[in-house]
Amino acid sequence: MAVSVAHVTLDCHDATVLAAFWSAALDRDVDAGAAPEFASIGLSPPVQQPAWLFVQVPESKTAKNRMHLDFDAADRVAEVTRLEALGEHEEHGARRTVLADPEGNEFCVAQAG
């Protein structure tokens, strides 16, 4: 018997924030009832597998992910550009984009000045 992926589950501080990001990235709606403690994409009918689950946890990420997702795109460059824009956020008055190096180490690029 083979297995199949039913859910992708991400621990987070605010499930609604992370679900909104992945909703935009995947072009799939966040399911009704999203809250900071739990949100989902594709779990409510009509179910779309894999569904994405976002679960609030008290601790922050402390190390490199041991597993990551690979995505296919018809136009890789256009999708990377679109996803980079989703990763932008403002912190302390500076606009930042979160990226990762080939080893998976995260870093931000901020607008100088």
Protein backbone atom coordinates (compact mmCIF):
# COMPACT_ATOMS: atom_id res chain seq x y z
CA MET A 1 0.00 0.00 0.00
CA ALA A 2 1.38 3.45 -0.92
CA VAL A 3 0.96 6.66 1.02
CA SER A 4 -0.03 10.05 -0.31
CA VAL A 5 0.35 13.55 1.07
CA ALA A 6 -2.89 14.62 2.74
CA HIS A 7 -1.71 17.77 4.57
CA VAL A 8 1.26 20.09 4.73
CA THR A 9 1.38 21.41 8.30
CA LEU A 10 3.32 24.49 9.35
CA ASP A 11 3.93 25.58 12.93
CA CYS A 12 3.70 29.35 13.34
CA HIS A 13 3.02 32.26 15.67
CA ASP A 14 -0.08 33.52 13.83
CA ALA A 15 -1.91 31.03 11.63
CA THR A 16 -3.96 33.71 9.85
CA VAL A 17 -0.85 35.60 8.73
CA LEU A 18 0.93 32.50 7.41
CA ALA A 19 -2.25 31.17 5.78
CA ALA A 20 -2.74 34.48 3.98
CA PHE A 21 0.81 34.29 2.59
CA TRP A 22 0.42 30.72 1.33
CA SER A 23 -3.07 31.49 0.03
CA ALA A 24 -1.57 34.16 -2.21
CA ALA A 25 1.43 32.01 -3.13
CA LEU A 26 -0.71 29.01 -4.10
CA ASP A 27 -3.69 30.99 -5.46
CA ARG A 28 -6.01 29.01 -3.17
CA ASP A 29 -8.50 30.44 -0.67
CA VAL A 30 -8.06 30.27 3.09
CA ASP A 31 -10.84 28.15 4.57
CA ALA A 32 -13.56 29.86 6.60
CA GLY A 33 -12.99 30.16 10.33
CA ALA A 34 -9.29 31.05 10.22
CA ALA A 35 -7.95 32.23 13.59
CA PRO A 36 -4.49 33.02 14.96
CA GLU A 37 -4.44 29.54 16.56
CA PHE A 38 -5.41 27.53 13.45
CA ALA A 39 -6.09 28.13 9.78
CA SER A 40 -6.28 25.91 6.72
CA ILE A 41 -6.31 25.91 2.95
CA GLY A 42 -8.10 23.11 1.12
CA LEU A 43 -9.48 21.32 4.18
CA SER A 44 -13.09 22.50 3.73
CA PRO A 45 -15.21 21.04 0.93
CA PRO A 46 -14.38 20.79 -1.82
CA VAL A 47 -11.22 19.30 -0.27
CA GLN A 48 -8.04 20.02 -2.22
CA GLN A 49 -5.09 17.77 -1.49
CA PRO A 50 -2.74 18.36 -0.12
CA ALA A 51 -4.53 20.63 2.31
CA TRP A 52 -2.35 23.15 4.13
CA LEU A 53 -2.67 23.47 7.91
CA PHE A 54 -1.26 26.30 10.03
CA VAL A 55 -0.96 25.64 13.76
CA GLN A 56 0.06 28.20 16.37
CA VAL A 57 2.94 27.10 18.61
CA PRO A 58 4.65 29.09 21.39
CA GLU A 59 8.24 28.57 20.26
CA SER A 60 10.02 30.16 17.30
CA LYS A 61 11.92 28.33 14.59
CA THR A 62 15.44 27.75 15.91
CA ALA A 63 17.19 25.74 13.20
CA LYS A 64 17.27 24.94 9.52
CA ASN A 65 14.28 23.04 8.13
CA ARG A 66 15.01 19.34 7.71
CA MET A 67 12.40 19.10 4.94
CA HIS A 68 11.37 21.61 2.31
CA LEU A 69 8.93 21.86 -0.57
CA ASP A 70 9.85 22.05 -4.25
CA PHE A 71 7.42 23.77 -6.61
CA ASP A 72 7.14 23.59 -10.40
CA ALA A 73 6.18 26.66 -12.43
CA ALA A 74 5.58 27.21 -16.13
CA ASP A 75 7.61 30.45 -15.84
CA ARG A 76 10.06 30.04 -12.96
CA VAL A 77 11.45 33.59 -13.15
CA ALA A 78 8.01 35.19 -13.09
CA GLU A 79 6.89 33.03 -10.16
CA VAL A 80 10.07 33.75 -8.16
CA THR A 81 9.50 37.47 -8.71
CA ARG A 82 5.87 37.15 -7.60
CA LEU A 83 6.78 35.09 -4.52
CA GLU A 84 9.59 37.45 -3.54
CA ALA A 85 7.03 40.26 -3.49
CA LEU A 86 4.86 38.19 -1.10
CA GLY A 87 7.87 37.84 1.20
CA GLU A 88 8.27 41.59 1.57
CA HIS A 89 7.35 43.10 4.88
CA GLU A 90 7.95 46.28 6.79
CA GLU A 91 9.91 46.25 10.02
CA HIS A 92 11.08 49.31 11.97
CA GLY A 93 10.09 51.54 9.04
CA ALA A 94 12.15 49.59 6.47
CA ARG A 95 10.75 47.47 3.64
CA ARG A 96 12.40 44.03 3.64
CA THR A 97 12.37 40.92 1.45
CA VAL A 98 13.20 37.57 3.03
CA LEU A 99 15.32 35.28 0.86
CA ALA A 100 17.46 32.19 1.41
CA ASP A 101 20.92 31.23 0.19
CA PRO A 102 21.73 27.88 -1.48
CA GLU A 103 22.23 26.36 1.99
CA GLY A 104 18.78 27.49 3.11
CA ASN A 105 20.05 30.26 5.40
CA GLU A 106 17.49 33.03 5.50
CA PHE A 107 18.46 36.66 5.01
CA CYS A 108 16.67 39.93 4.33
CA VAL A 109 17.29 42.64 1.77
CA ALA A 110 16.07 46.05 2.88
CA GLN A 111 15.83 49.35 1.06
CA ALA A 112 18.87 51.45 2.03
CA GLY A 113 18.18 54.78 3.71
